Amino acid sequence: MKPVNLIMFDYDGVIVDSLQVFCMNYIAACQENGLSEIETEKDVLALFEHNVYATLLQRGVMAQTIDKILKDYERRQSEYLLELKLFDSMGDALNEISKNNKIFIITSNVSIATESVMQRHGINCFEEVIGAEKEKSKIRKIEMVMARFKELPAFYVGDTKGDMIEGKAAGTKTVGVAWGWHGIEKLKEGGADFIVQSPQELVSLFLK
């Protein structure tokens, strides 16, 4: 069957319910590397108002320190992968959407951890997982994938204001999910083209 759309998904807050585990390990990695100002969930969520790595650079954090934070986070997160659960009905939704669309994961997380969780839950419908260790800019990652499928309408599905901003900057239609890290108002601030309230509504959006 010829694919209808190119759909790129964020991972944390869209597919997996990971906020508490992510924040715990990301805060610890930041603190280990001298970012004492990152100490609460609110501090972490503020980083995702835009691209998390660009925000850190703007705050004066050196690129090599950001890379070290990412590696330390990956080490810590690997110990908690078994605790991560998919949002209810999300696995079924992804499998259904993949039947007539090309789907990718574009994430600020690390690829190997993302792939491990997907495999453990039996989700094998993604063309590729493109994490932060491959490229930190979601805009560039989205553009790279879009260049491979120029003939397909492109969508980015995310849960933060930053996701909406980056998706639009890359030239996609943006879909905000209401069950993620940022609320509906933040998604609207980011210019979301669509907002869905459930995985079932997400399926309906792409299977019209």
N, C-alpha and C. Protein backbone atom coordinates (compact mmCIF):
# COMPACT_ATOMS: atom_id res chain seq x y z
N MET A 1 0.84 -1.20 0.00
CA MET A 1 0.00 0.00 0.00
C MET A 1 0.88 1.25 0.00
N LYS A 2 0.57 2.18 -0.87
CA LYS A 2 1.33 3.42 -0.94
C LYS A 2 1.07 4.27 0.30
N PRO A 3 2.14 4.75 0.98
CA PRO A 3 1.92 5.56 2.19
C PRO A 3 1.21 6.87 1.88
N VAL A 4 0.39 7.30 2.82
CA VAL A 4 -0.41 8.52 2.65
C VAL A 4 0.32 9.74 3.20
N ASN A 5 0.93 9.59 4.38
CA ASN A 5 1.59 10.70 5.06
C ASN A 5 2.94 10.27 5.61
N LEU A 6 3.77 11.25 5.91
CA LEU A 6 4.99 11.07 6.69
C LEU A 6 4.69 11.63 8.08
N ILE A 7 4.72 10.76 9.09
CA ILE A 7 4.36 11.18 10.45
C ILE A 7 5.54 10.92 11.37
N MET A 8 6.05 11.97 11.98
CA MET A 8 7.18 11.87 12.89
C MET A 8 6.70 12.14 14.31
N PHE A 9 7.04 11.24 15.21
CA PHE A 9 6.56 11.29 16.59
C PHE A 9 7.68 11.66 17.55
N ASP A 10 7.37 12.54 18.49
CA ASP A 10 8.19 12.67 19.68
C ASP A 10 7.97 11.39 20.50
N TYR A 11 8.83 11.16 21.46
CA TYR A 11 8.79 9.92 22.25
C TYR A 11 8.27 10.17 23.66
N ASP A 12 9.06 10.89 24.46
CA ASP A 12 8.66 11.15 25.85
C ASP A 12 7.42 12.03 25.89
N GLY A 13 6.41 11.60 26.64
CA GLY A 13 5.19 12.38 26.79
C GLY A 13 4.18 12.19 25.68
N VAL A 14 4.59 11.52 24.60
CA VAL A 14 3.67 11.20 23.51
C VAL A 14 3.40 9.70 23.48
N ILE A 15 4.48 8.92 23.47
CA ILE A 15 4.36 7.46 23.40
C ILE A 15 4.50 6.83 24.78
N VAL A 16 5.47 7.30 25.55
CA VAL A 16 5.71 6.74 26.89
C VAL A 16 5.42 7.77 27.97
N ASP A 17 4.91 7.26 29.10
CA ASP A 17 4.63 8.08 30.28
C ASP A 17 5.90 8.12 31.12
N SER A 18 6.77 9.08 30.81
CA SER A 18 8.14 9.03 31.33
C SER A 18 8.56 10.25 32.13
N LEU A 19 7.65 11.16 32.39
CA LEU A 19 8.04 12.45 32.96
C LEU A 19 8.82 12.31 34.26
N GLN A 20 8.31 11.53 35.20
CA GLN A 20 8.96 11.43 36.51
C GLN A 20 10.34 10.81 36.40
N VAL A 21 10.45 9.72 35.63
CA VAL A 21 11.73 9.03 35.48
C VAL A 21 12.72 9.92 34.72
N PHE A 22 12.24 10.55 33.65
CA PHE A 22 13.11 11.44 32.88
C PHE A 22 13.65 12.56 33.75
N CYS A 23 12.75 13.23 34.47
CA CYS A 23 13.18 14.37 35.29
C CYS A 23 14.17 13.94 36.36
N MET A 24 13.91 12.83 37.02
CA MET A 24 14.81 12.35 38.06
C MET A 24 16.22 12.16 37.52
N ASN A 25 16.33 11.49 36.38
CA ASN A 25 17.65 11.17 35.82
C ASN A 25 18.29 12.37 35.13
N TYR A 26 17.48 13.21 34.50
CA TYR A 26 18.04 14.39 33.83
C TYR A 26 18.54 15.41 34.85
N ILE A 27 17.77 15.60 35.91
CA ILE A 27 18.21 16.52 36.98
C ILE A 27 19.52 16.03 37.58
N ALA A 28 19.61 14.72 37.85
CA ALA A 28 20.83 14.16 38.43
C ALA A 28 22.02 14.37 37.50
N ALA A 29 21.81 14.16 36.19
CA ALA A 29 22.89 14.35 35.22
C ALA A 29 23.32 15.81 35.14
N CYS A 30 22.35 16.72 35.21
CA CYS A 30 22.67 18.15 35.20
C CYS A 30 23.47 18.53 36.44
N GLN A 31 23.02 18.04 37.60
CA GLN A 31 23.70 18.38 38.85
C GLN A 31 25.13 17.83 38.86
N GLU A 32 25.32 16.62 38.32
CA GLU A 32 26.65 16.03 38.25
C GLU A 32 27.61 16.89 37.43
N ASN A 33 27.04 17.64 36.50
CA ASN A 33 27.87 18.43 35.59
C ASN A 33 27.80 19.93 35.86
N GLY A 34 27.42 20.27 37.08
CA GLY A 34 27.53 21.65 37.52
C GLY A 34 26.34 22.55 37.27
N LEU A 35 25.23 21.99 36.73
CA LEU A 35 24.04 22.81 36.48
C LEU A 35 23.11 22.73 37.69
N SER A 36 23.52 23.38 38.76
CA SER A 36 22.77 23.30 40.01
C SER A 36 21.41 23.96 39.92
N GLU A 37 21.21 24.83 38.90
CA GLU A 37 19.93 25.52 38.77
C GLU A 37 18.83 24.62 38.23
N ILE A 38 19.18 23.46 37.67
CA ILE A 38 18.18 22.49 37.20
C ILE A 38 17.93 21.52 38.34
N GLU A 39 16.88 21.77 39.12
CA GLU A 39 16.67 20.95 40.31
C GLU A 39 15.23 20.50 40.52
N THR A 40 14.30 20.97 39.70
CA THR A 40 12.90 20.57 39.86
C THR A 40 12.30 20.18 38.51
N GLU A 41 11.15 19.51 38.58
CA GLU A 41 10.41 19.17 37.35
C GLU A 41 10.08 20.42 36.57
N LYS A 42 9.71 21.48 37.26
CA LYS A 42 9.39 22.74 36.60
C LYS A 42 10.59 23.27 35.82
N ASP A 43 11.78 23.14 36.39
CA ASP A 43 13.00 23.59 35.71
C ASP A 43 13.22 22.80 34.42
N VAL A 44 12.99 21.50 34.48
CA VAL A 44 13.17 20.65 33.29
C VAL A 44 12.15 21.02 32.22
N LEU A 45 10.89 21.16 32.61
CA LEU A 45 9.85 21.48 31.63
C LEU A 45 10.10 22.81 30.95
N ALA A 46 10.70 23.75 31.67
CA ALA A 46 11.00 25.06 31.08
C ALA A 46 12.01 24.93 29.93
N LEU A 47 12.88 23.94 30.00
CA LEU A 47 13.86 23.73 28.93
C LEU A 47 13.18 23.35 27.62
N PHE A 48 11.99 22.76 27.72
CA PHE A 48 11.29 22.26 26.54
C PHE A 48 10.32 23.29 25.95
N GLU A 49 10.44 24.54 26.40
CA GLU A 49 9.69 25.62 25.74
C GLU A 49 10.20 25.81 24.31
N HIS A 50 11.48 25.48 24.13
CA HIS A 50 12.11 25.48 22.81
C HIS A 50 12.97 24.21 22.76
N ASN A 51 13.93 24.12 21.85
CA ASN A 51 14.81 22.96 21.83
C ASN A 51 15.64 22.94 23.10
N VAL A 52 15.63 21.80 23.79
CA VAL A 52 16.27 21.71 25.09
C VAL A 52 17.77 22.00 25.00
N TYR A 53 18.41 21.52 23.96
CA TYR A 53 19.86 21.69 23.85
C TYR A 53 20.21 23.12 23.44
N ALA A 54 19.41 23.72 22.57
CA ALA A 54 19.62 25.12 22.20
C ALA A 54 19.42 26.03 23.41
N THR A 55 18.44 25.69 24.25
CA THR A 55 18.19 26.47 25.46
C THR A 55 19.39 26.43 26.39
N LEU A 56 19.98 25.24 26.56
CA LEU A 56 21.16 25.12 27.43
C LEU A 56 22.32 25.94 26.87
N LEU A 57 22.53 25.89 25.55
CA LEU A 57 23.59 26.69 24.94
C LEU A 57 23.36 28.18 25.18
N GLN A 58 22.11 28.62 25.06
CA GLN A 58 21.78 30.03 25.28
C GLN A 58 22.03 30.45 26.72
N ARG A 59 21.96 29.48 27.62
CA ARG A 59 22.22 29.77 29.03
C ARG A 59 23.71 29.74 29.35
N GLY A 60 24.53 29.50 28.33
CA GLY A 60 25.97 29.53 28.53
C GLY A 60 26.61 28.19 28.84
N VAL A 61 25.85 27.11 28.71
CA VAL A 61 26.41 25.77 28.94
C VAL A 61 27.22 25.36 27.72
N MET A 62 28.45 24.90 27.94
CA MET A 62 29.32 24.51 26.84
C MET A 62 28.79 23.25 26.15
N ALA A 63 29.07 23.15 24.84
CA ALA A 63 28.59 22.01 24.06
C ALA A 63 29.10 20.70 24.62
N GLN A 64 30.37 20.66 25.06
CA GLN A 64 30.92 19.41 25.60
C GLN A 64 30.26 19.03 26.92
N THR A 65 29.82 20.04 27.68
CA THR A 65 29.09 19.76 28.92
C THR A 65 27.73 19.17 28.61
N ILE A 66 27.07 19.69 27.58
CA ILE A 66 25.78 19.15 27.16
C ILE A 66 25.93 17.70 26.73
N ASP A 67 27.00 17.40 25.98
CA ASP A 67 27.26 16.01 25.57
C ASP A 67 27.47 15.11 26.78
N LYS A 68 28.17 15.62 27.79
CA LYS A 68 28.42 14.84 29.01
C LYS A 68 27.11 14.62 29.77
N ILE A 69 26.27 15.63 29.84
CA ILE A 69 24.96 15.47 30.47
C ILE A 69 24.17 14.37 29.78
N LEU A 70 24.20 14.38 28.45
CA LEU A 70 23.47 13.37 27.68
C LEU A 70 23.98 11.97 27.97
N LYS A 71 25.29 11.81 28.04
CA LYS A 71 25.87 10.49 28.33
C LYS A 71 25.54 10.04 29.75
N ASP A 72 25.64 10.96 30.71
CA ASP A 72 25.32 10.62 32.10
C ASP A 72 23.84 10.30 32.25
N TYR A 73 23.00 11.05 31.54
CA TYR A 73 21.57 10.75 31.55
C TYR A 73 21.32 9.36 30.98
N GLU A 74 21.96 9.03 29.85
CA GLU A 74 21.77 7.72 29.21
C GLU A 74 22.16 6.60 30.17
N ARG A 75 23.27 6.77 30.87
CA ARG A 75 23.73 5.76 31.83
C ARG A 75 22.69 5.56 32.93
N ARG A 76 22.19 6.64 33.48
CA ARG A 76 21.21 6.55 34.55
C ARG A 76 19.88 5.99 34.05
N GLN A 77 19.43 6.47 32.89
CA GLN A 77 18.13 6.07 32.36
C GLN A 77 18.10 4.59 32.03
N SER A 78 19.24 4.02 31.64
CA SER A 78 19.28 2.61 31.26
C SER A 78 18.87 1.70 32.41
N GLU A 79 19.00 2.18 33.64
CA GLU A 79 18.64 1.39 34.82
C GLU A 79 17.13 1.41 35.09
N TYR A 80 16.40 2.28 34.39
CA TYR A 80 14.98 2.46 34.67
C TYR A 80 14.07 2.12 33.49
N LEU A 81 14.64 1.55 32.43
CA LEU A 81 13.85 1.31 31.22
C LEU A 81 12.66 0.40 31.46
N LEU A 82 12.83 -0.56 32.38
CA LEU A 82 11.73 -1.50 32.64
C LEU A 82 10.54 -0.82 33.30
N GLU A 83 10.77 0.36 33.87
CA GLU A 83 9.68 1.07 34.55
C GLU A 83 8.81 1.88 33.58
N LEU A 84 9.29 2.10 32.37
CA LEU A 84 8.58 2.96 31.43
C LEU A 84 7.43 2.22 30.77
N LYS A 85 6.27 2.83 30.81
CA LYS A 85 5.06 2.24 30.23
C LYS A 85 4.55 3.11 29.09
N LEU A 86 3.97 2.46 28.10
CA LEU A 86 3.30 3.21 27.05
C LEU A 86 2.01 3.81 27.60
N PHE A 87 1.62 4.96 27.09
CA PHE A 87 0.30 5.48 27.42
C PHE A 87 -0.75 4.49 26.93
N ASP A 88 -1.85 4.40 27.66
CA ASP A 88 -2.92 3.46 27.32
C ASP A 88 -3.35 3.63 25.86
N SER A 89 -3.41 2.52 25.16
CA SER A 89 -3.89 2.44 23.76
C SER A 89 -2.90 3.01 22.75
N MET A 90 -1.73 3.50 23.21
CA MET A 90 -0.80 4.12 22.27
C MET A 90 -0.16 3.09 21.35
N GLY A 91 0.15 1.91 21.87
CA GLY A 91 0.74 0.87 21.03
C GLY A 91 -0.18 0.49 19.88
N ASP A 92 -1.44 0.28 20.19
CA ASP A 92 -2.42 -0.06 19.15
C ASP A 92 -2.56 1.08 18.15
N ALA A 93 -2.55 2.31 18.65
CA ALA A 93 -2.68 3.48 17.77
C ALA A 93 -1.52 3.55 16.78
N LEU A 94 -0.30 3.33 17.27
CA LEU A 94 0.87 3.39 16.40
C LEU A 94 0.82 2.31 15.33
N ASN A 95 0.46 1.11 15.74
CA ASN A 95 0.38 0.01 14.76
C ASN A 95 -0.68 0.30 13.71
N GLU A 96 -1.79 0.89 14.12
CA GLU A 96 -2.86 1.21 13.17
C GLU A 96 -2.42 2.32 12.21
N ILE A 97 -1.81 3.37 12.76
CA ILE A 97 -1.38 4.49 11.93
C ILE A 97 -0.31 4.06 10.93
N SER A 98 0.55 3.13 11.34
CA SER A 98 1.66 2.71 10.48
C SER A 98 1.21 1.91 9.26
N LYS A 99 -0.02 1.44 9.26
CA LYS A 99 -0.49 0.60 8.16
C LYS A 99 -0.49 1.34 6.82
N ASN A 100 -0.76 2.64 6.85
CA ASN A 100 -0.77 3.38 5.58
C ASN A 100 -0.02 4.70 5.65
N ASN A 101 0.94 4.78 6.59
CA ASN A 101 1.78 5.97 6.71
C ASN A 101 3.21 5.57 7.03
N LYS A 102 4.18 6.39 6.64
CA LYS A 102 5.57 6.21 7.05
C LYS A 102 5.74 6.90 8.40
N ILE A 103 6.21 6.16 9.42
CA ILE A 103 6.32 6.78 10.73
C ILE A 103 7.74 6.65 11.30
N PHE A 104 8.18 7.71 11.95
CA PHE A 104 9.51 7.81 12.55
C PHE A 104 9.36 8.33 13.98
N ILE A 105 10.39 8.09 14.80
CA ILE A 105 10.51 8.77 16.09
C ILE A 105 11.64 9.78 15.97
N ILE A 106 11.34 11.04 16.31
CA ILE A 106 12.33 12.12 16.37
C ILE A 106 12.33 12.61 17.81
N THR A 107 13.42 12.38 18.55
CA THR A 107 13.39 12.61 19.98
C THR A 107 14.64 13.30 20.50
N SER A 108 14.50 14.00 21.62
CA SER A 108 15.64 14.57 22.34
C SER A 108 16.26 13.54 23.27
N ASN A 109 15.64 12.38 23.37
CA ASN A 109 16.18 11.27 24.15
C ASN A 109 17.25 10.56 23.32
N VAL A 110 17.80 9.48 23.85
CA VAL A 110 18.83 8.73 23.12
C VAL A 110 18.19 7.55 22.39
N SER A 111 18.70 7.24 21.22
CA SER A 111 18.06 6.25 20.34
C SER A 111 18.00 4.87 20.97
N ILE A 112 19.11 4.41 21.55
CA ILE A 112 19.17 3.03 22.02
C ILE A 112 18.18 2.78 23.15
N ALA A 113 18.00 3.76 24.03
CA ALA A 113 17.03 3.62 25.12
C ALA A 113 15.61 3.60 24.57
N THR A 114 15.35 4.47 23.60
CA THR A 114 14.03 4.53 22.97
C THR A 114 13.71 3.22 22.26
N GLU A 115 14.66 2.73 21.49
CA GLU A 115 14.46 1.48 20.75
C GLU A 115 14.24 0.31 21.70
N SER A 116 14.96 0.29 22.81
CA SER A 116 14.82 -0.79 23.78
C SER A 116 13.41 -0.85 24.35
N VAL A 117 12.85 0.30 24.70
CA VAL A 117 11.49 0.34 25.24
C VAL A 117 10.47 -0.06 24.19
N MET A 118 10.65 0.41 22.97
CA MET A 118 9.73 0.05 21.88
C MET A 118 9.74 -1.46 21.64
N GLN A 119 10.92 -2.05 21.61
CA GLN A 119 11.03 -3.48 21.37
C GLN A 119 10.40 -4.28 22.51
N ARG A 120 10.61 -3.81 23.74
CA ARG A 120 10.05 -4.54 24.89
C ARG A 120 8.52 -4.55 24.85
N HIS A 121 7.94 -3.51 24.28
CA HIS A 121 6.48 -3.44 24.18
C HIS A 121 5.96 -3.96 22.84
N GLY A 122 6.85 -4.55 22.04
CA GLY A 122 6.41 -5.15 20.79
C GLY A 122 6.04 -4.16 19.71
N ILE A 123 6.61 -2.95 19.78
CA ILE A 123 6.32 -1.92 18.78
C ILE A 123 7.47 -1.90 17.76
N ASN A 124 7.19 -2.40 16.57
CA ASN A 124 8.23 -2.51 15.54
C ASN A 124 7.80 -1.83 14.24
N CYS A 125 6.96 -0.82 14.34
CA CYS A 125 6.37 -0.23 13.14
C CYS A 125 7.07 1.05 12.69
N PHE A 126 8.12 1.47 13.40
CA PHE A 126 8.82 2.69 13.01
C PHE A 126 9.91 2.41 12.00
N GLU A 127 10.05 3.30 11.03
CA GLU A 127 11.13 3.19 10.05
C GLU A 127 12.49 3.38 10.71
N GLU A 128 12.54 4.31 11.67
CA GLU A 128 13.81 4.64 12.32
C GLU A 128 13.54 5.47 13.56
N VAL A 129 14.44 5.35 14.55
CA VAL A 129 14.44 6.23 15.71
C VAL A 129 15.66 7.14 15.59
N ILE A 130 15.43 8.44 15.63
CA ILE A 130 16.52 9.40 15.48
C ILE A 130 16.63 10.22 16.76
N GLY A 131 17.62 9.88 17.57
CA GLY A 131 17.78 10.49 18.88
C GLY A 131 18.80 11.61 18.92
N ALA A 132 19.04 12.11 20.14
CA ALA A 132 19.89 13.29 20.32
C ALA A 132 21.35 13.02 20.01
N GLU A 133 21.78 11.76 20.15
CA GLU A 133 23.19 11.46 19.88
C GLU A 133 23.50 11.52 18.37
N LYS A 134 22.46 11.45 17.54
CA LYS A 134 22.65 11.54 16.09
C LYS A 134 22.61 12.99 15.61
N GLU A 135 21.75 13.77 16.23
CA GLU A 135 21.60 15.20 15.89
C GLU A 135 20.74 15.83 16.98
N LYS A 136 21.19 16.94 17.55
CA LYS A 136 20.46 17.54 18.67
C LYS A 136 19.28 18.40 18.22
N SER A 137 19.37 18.97 17.02
CA SER A 137 18.29 19.83 16.53
C SER A 137 17.16 18.99 15.95
N LYS A 138 15.98 19.11 16.53
CA LYS A 138 14.82 18.41 15.96
C LYS A 138 14.48 18.97 14.59
N ILE A 139 14.70 20.26 14.40
CA ILE A 139 14.42 20.85 13.09
C ILE A 139 15.23 20.16 12.01
N ARG A 140 16.53 20.01 12.25
CA ARG A 140 17.39 19.37 11.25
C ARG A 140 17.02 17.90 11.06
N LYS A 141 16.67 17.22 12.15
CA LYS A 141 16.28 15.80 12.03
C LYS A 141 15.00 15.66 11.21
N ILE A 142 14.04 16.52 11.48
CA ILE A 142 12.79 16.49 10.72
C ILE A 142 13.06 16.79 9.25
N GLU A 143 13.88 17.79 9.00
CA GLU A 143 14.19 18.15 7.61
C GLU A 143 14.89 17.01 6.88
N MET A 144 15.77 16.28 7.57
CA MET A 144 16.47 15.16 6.94
C MET A 144 15.50 14.07 6.53
N VAL A 145 14.54 13.79 7.39
CA VAL A 145 13.55 12.76 7.06
C VAL A 145 12.63 13.24 5.94
N MET A 146 12.21 14.49 6.02
CA MET A 146 11.33 15.04 4.97
C MET A 146 12.01 14.99 3.60
N ALA A 147 13.32 15.18 3.56
CA ALA A 147 14.04 15.15 2.29
C ALA A 147 13.99 13.78 1.64
N ARG A 148 13.77 12.75 2.46
CA ARG A 148 13.69 11.38 1.93
C ARG A 148 12.30 11.06 1.39
N PHE A 149 11.31 11.82 1.80
CA PHE A 149 9.92 11.55 1.41
C PHE A 149 9.24 12.85 0.98
N LYS A 150 9.83 13.49 0.00
CA LYS A 150 9.36 14.82 -0.43
C LYS A 150 7.93 14.80 -0.94
N GLU A 151 7.49 13.64 -1.40
CA GLU A 151 6.16 13.56 -2.01
C GLU A 151 5.04 13.43 -0.97
N LEU A 152 5.40 13.20 0.30
CA LEU A 152 4.38 12.94 1.33
C LEU A 152 4.12 14.17 2.19
N PRO A 153 2.85 14.46 2.51
CA PRO A 153 2.55 15.48 3.51
C PRO A 153 3.19 15.10 4.84
N ALA A 154 3.82 16.07 5.52
CA ALA A 154 4.59 15.78 6.72
C ALA A 154 3.92 16.35 7.97
N PHE A 155 3.94 15.53 9.03
CA PHE A 155 3.37 15.91 10.33
C PHE A 155 4.38 15.60 11.42
N TYR A 156 4.42 16.46 12.46
CA TYR A 156 5.18 16.15 13.66
C TYR A 156 4.23 16.12 14.84
N VAL A 157 4.26 15.02 15.58
CA VAL A 157 3.37 14.81 16.73
C VAL A 157 4.20 14.98 18.00
N GLY A 158 3.85 15.96 18.82
CA GLY A 158 4.61 16.22 20.03
C GLY A 158 3.72 16.61 21.19
N ASP A 159 4.36 16.88 22.33
CA ASP A 159 3.59 17.19 23.54
C ASP A 159 4.06 18.47 24.22
N THR A 160 5.03 19.18 23.63
CA THR A 160 5.52 20.40 24.25
C THR A 160 5.43 21.59 23.29
N LYS A 161 5.49 22.76 23.87
CA LYS A 161 5.51 23.99 23.07
C LYS A 161 6.69 23.96 22.10
N GLY A 162 7.85 23.50 22.59
CA GLY A 162 9.03 23.42 21.75
C GLY A 162 8.84 22.50 20.57
N ASP A 163 8.14 21.38 20.78
CA ASP A 163 7.85 20.46 19.67
C ASP A 163 7.06 21.16 18.57
N MET A 164 6.07 21.93 18.97
CA MET A 164 5.23 22.62 18.00
C MET A 164 6.05 23.66 17.23
N ILE A 165 6.88 24.40 17.94
CA ILE A 165 7.71 25.42 17.30
C ILE A 165 8.68 24.79 16.31
N GLU A 166 9.34 23.70 16.73
CA GLU A 166 10.34 23.07 15.87
C GLU A 166 9.70 22.38 14.67
N GLY A 167 8.56 21.73 14.90
CA GLY A 167 7.87 21.10 13.78
C GLY A 167 7.48 22.10 12.71
N LYS A 168 6.94 23.23 13.16
CA LYS A 168 6.52 24.27 12.20
C LYS A 168 7.73 24.88 11.51
N ALA A 169 8.82 25.08 12.25
CA ALA A 169 10.03 25.65 11.65
C ALA A 169 10.60 24.75 10.56
N ALA A 170 10.40 23.44 10.73
CA ALA A 170 10.89 22.47 9.74
C ALA A 170 9.95 22.33 8.56
N GLY A 171 8.73 22.87 8.69
CA GLY A 171 7.79 22.83 7.58
C GLY A 171 6.71 21.78 7.66
N THR A 172 6.49 21.21 8.85
CA THR A 172 5.44 20.21 9.00
C THR A 172 4.16 20.84 9.54
N LYS A 173 3.06 20.12 9.40
CA LYS A 173 1.88 20.37 10.22
C LYS A 173 2.18 19.78 11.60
N THR A 174 1.71 20.44 12.65
CA THR A 174 2.02 19.97 14.00
C THR A 174 0.77 19.49 14.71
N VAL A 175 0.95 18.39 15.44
CA VAL A 175 -0.14 17.77 16.20
C VAL A 175 0.30 17.72 17.66
N GLY A 176 -0.44 18.39 18.53
CA GLY A 176 -0.15 18.35 19.96
C GLY A 176 -1.03 17.34 20.66
N VAL A 177 -0.42 16.55 21.54
CA VAL A 177 -1.20 15.58 22.31
C VAL A 177 -1.46 16.14 23.71
N ALA A 178 -2.70 16.03 24.15
CA ALA A 178 -3.11 16.67 25.40
C ALA A 178 -2.68 15.91 26.64
N TRP A 179 -2.13 14.69 26.47
CA TRP A 179 -1.78 13.87 27.63
C TRP A 179 -0.29 13.97 28.00
N GLY A 180 0.45 14.90 27.39
CA GLY A 180 1.89 14.93 27.57
C GLY A 180 2.39 15.91 28.61
N TRP A 181 3.62 16.38 28.42
CA TRP A 181 4.33 17.16 29.43
C TRP A 181 3.80 18.59 29.54
N HIS A 182 3.46 19.21 28.45
CA HIS A 182 2.89 20.56 28.46
C HIS A 182 1.39 20.48 28.24
N GLY A 183 0.66 21.40 28.83
CA GLY A 183 -0.78 21.40 28.68
C GLY A 183 -1.23 22.00 27.36
N ILE A 184 -2.54 22.02 27.17
CA ILE A 184 -3.12 22.50 25.91
C ILE A 184 -2.74 23.95 25.63
N GLU A 185 -2.71 24.79 26.66
CA GLU A 185 -2.39 26.21 26.43
C GLU A 185 -0.98 26.38 25.89
N LYS A 186 -0.04 25.61 26.42
CA LYS A 186 1.34 25.68 25.91
C LYS A 186 1.40 25.21 24.47
N LEU A 187 0.65 24.15 24.14
CA LEU A 187 0.63 23.66 22.77
C LEU A 187 0.08 24.72 21.82
N LYS A 188 -0.95 25.43 22.28
CA LYS A 188 -1.51 26.52 21.47
C LYS A 188 -0.50 27.65 21.30
N GLU A 189 0.24 27.95 22.37
CA GLU A 189 1.28 28.99 22.28
C GLU A 189 2.31 28.63 21.21
N GLY A 190 2.57 27.33 21.08
CA GLY A 190 3.53 26.86 20.08
C GLY A 190 2.98 26.81 18.68
N GLY A 191 1.67 27.09 18.53
CA GLY A 191 1.06 27.14 17.21
C GLY A 191 0.60 25.80 16.67
N ALA A 192 0.21 24.88 17.56
CA ALA A 192 -0.24 23.56 17.11
C ALA A 192 -1.35 23.67 16.07
N ASP A 193 -1.21 22.92 14.98
CA ASP A 193 -2.25 22.90 13.95
C ASP A 193 -3.43 22.04 14.38
N PHE A 194 -3.15 20.99 15.13
CA PHE A 194 -4.19 20.10 15.65
C PHE A 194 -3.84 19.76 17.09
N ILE A 195 -4.85 19.56 17.91
CA ILE A 195 -4.66 19.05 19.27
C ILE A 195 -5.60 17.87 19.45
N VAL A 196 -5.04 16.74 19.89
CA VAL A 196 -5.85 15.54 20.09
C VAL A 196 -5.88 15.18 21.57
N GLN A 197 -7.01 14.63 21.98
CA GLN A 197 -7.23 14.33 23.40
C GLN A 197 -6.93 12.89 23.77
N SER A 198 -6.76 12.02 22.77
CA SER A 198 -6.55 10.59 23.06
C SER A 198 -5.85 9.93 21.88
N PRO A 199 -5.21 8.77 22.12
CA PRO A 199 -4.62 8.03 21.00
C PRO A 199 -5.64 7.66 19.93
N GLN A 200 -6.87 7.37 20.35
CA GLN A 200 -7.92 7.04 19.38
C GLN A 200 -8.22 8.23 18.46
N GLU A 201 -8.20 9.43 19.04
CA GLU A 201 -8.43 10.63 18.24
C GLU A 201 -7.26 10.86 17.27
N LEU A 202 -6.06 10.47 17.70
CA LEU A 202 -4.89 10.57 16.83
C LEU A 202 -5.05 9.64 15.62
N VAL A 203 -5.51 8.43 15.87
CA VAL A 203 -5.77 7.48 14.77
C VAL A 203 -6.79 8.07 13.81
N SER A 204 -7.86 8.62 14.35
CA SER A 204 -8.92 9.19 13.51
C SER A 204 -8.40 10.32 12.64
N LEU A 205 -7.48 11.12 13.18
CA LEU A 205 -6.92 12.24 12.43
C LEU A 205 -6.21 11.76 11.17
N PHE A 206 -5.49 10.64 11.29
CA PHE A 206 -4.67 10.18 10.17
C PHE A 206 -5.34 9.11 9.31
N LEU A 207 -6.48 8.63 9.72
CA LEU A 207 -7.16 7.60 8.94
C LEU A 207 -8.48 8.09 8.40
N LYS A 208 -8.58 9.40 8.20
CA LYS A 208 -9.81 9.98 7.65
C LYS A 208 -10.04 9.47 6.23
